Amino acid sequence: MSVEKHLKVTGSSEISWKDAIVQTVNEASKTIDYLTNVTILSQHAVISGKKITEYFVDLDLAFTIDRDRD
């Protein structure tokens, strides 16, 4: 039997929402083993003047629990 856990995380980028997603998953994978999927929960941005200056994403990261791990 496999067990999957979900974790809600928020990430940001000054480039794009796609970059925020990619960078957040990359950063999370440094400390979370067995990532299996990502769901985009929401996106929002900061506007300064007439320009978007920062992109934010709320993600649901799923990962499998390793039952054999010590």
Protein backbone atom coordinates (compact mmCIF):
# COMPACT_ATOMS: atom_id res chain seq x y z
CA MET A 1 0.00 0.00 0.00
CA SER A 2 1.29 3.48 -0.80
CA VAL A 3 0.49 6.62 1.15
CA GLU A 4 0.54 10.05 -0.43
CA LYS A 5 0.82 13.29 1.51
CA HIS A 6 -0.08 16.78 0.31
CA LEU A 7 1.63 20.01 1.23
CA LYS A 8 0.47 23.54 0.34
CA VAL A 9 3.33 25.90 -0.55
CA THR A 10 3.61 29.41 -1.97
CA GLY A 11 6.36 30.55 -4.31
CA SER A 12 7.21 33.66 -6.26
CA SER A 13 9.15 34.93 -9.24
CA GLU A 14 9.91 38.29 -10.81
CA ILE A 15 9.75 36.67 -14.28
CA SER A 16 6.42 34.79 -14.69
CA TRP A 17 3.90 32.45 -13.09
CA LYS A 18 5.50 29.54 -14.94
CA ASP A 19 8.89 30.45 -13.50
CA ALA A 20 7.36 30.71 -10.02
CA ILE A 21 5.95 27.18 -10.39
CA VAL A 22 9.22 25.71 -11.70
CA GLN A 23 11.36 27.44 -9.06
CA THR A 24 9.02 26.44 -6.22
CA VAL A 25 9.00 22.78 -7.27
CA ASN A 26 12.81 22.83 -7.68
CA GLU A 27 13.27 24.35 -4.22
CA ALA A 28 10.82 21.94 -2.57
CA SER A 29 12.52 18.94 -4.20
CA LYS A 30 15.72 19.80 -2.31
CA THR A 31 14.12 18.79 1.01
CA ILE A 32 11.11 16.64 0.03
CA ASP A 33 11.74 13.19 -1.43
CA TYR A 34 9.39 11.31 -3.78
CA LEU A 35 7.44 14.27 -5.21
CA THR A 36 4.73 12.86 -7.46
CA ASN A 37 2.61 15.76 -8.72
CA VAL A 38 1.76 19.42 -8.41
CA THR A 39 -1.61 21.17 -8.58
CA ILE A 40 -1.83 24.91 -9.09
CA LEU A 41 -4.30 26.21 -6.53
CA SER A 42 -4.12 29.94 -7.30
CA GLN A 43 -2.04 32.66 -8.90
CA HIS A 44 -1.75 36.32 -8.04
CA ALA A 45 0.63 39.18 -8.75
CA VAL A 46 1.86 42.50 -7.43
CA ILE A 47 1.43 45.50 -9.70
CA SER A 48 3.66 48.54 -9.41
CA GLY A 49 2.66 51.42 -11.64
CA LYS A 50 1.37 49.72 -14.78
CA LYS A 51 3.61 46.68 -14.60
CA ILE A 52 3.54 43.31 -12.82
CA THR A 53 6.58 43.21 -10.58
CA GLU A 54 6.15 39.85 -8.81
CA TYR A 55 4.20 36.68 -9.60
CA PHE A 56 2.93 34.37 -6.84
CA VAL A 57 1.61 30.80 -6.99
CA ASP A 58 -0.06 28.63 -4.37
CA LEU A 59 0.70 24.98 -5.07
CA ASP A 60 -0.43 21.63 -3.70
CA LEU A 61 2.60 19.34 -3.82
CA ALA A 62 2.02 15.61 -3.45
CA PHE A 63 4.64 13.11 -2.40
CA THR A 64 4.74 9.44 -1.51
CA ILE A 65 5.60 8.40 2.04
CA ASP A 66 8.52 5.97 2.21
CA ARG A 67 7.40 3.42 4.80
CA ASP A 68 10.80 1.65 4.76
CA ARG A 69 12.79 4.77 5.62
CA ASP A 70 14.58 4.84 8.96
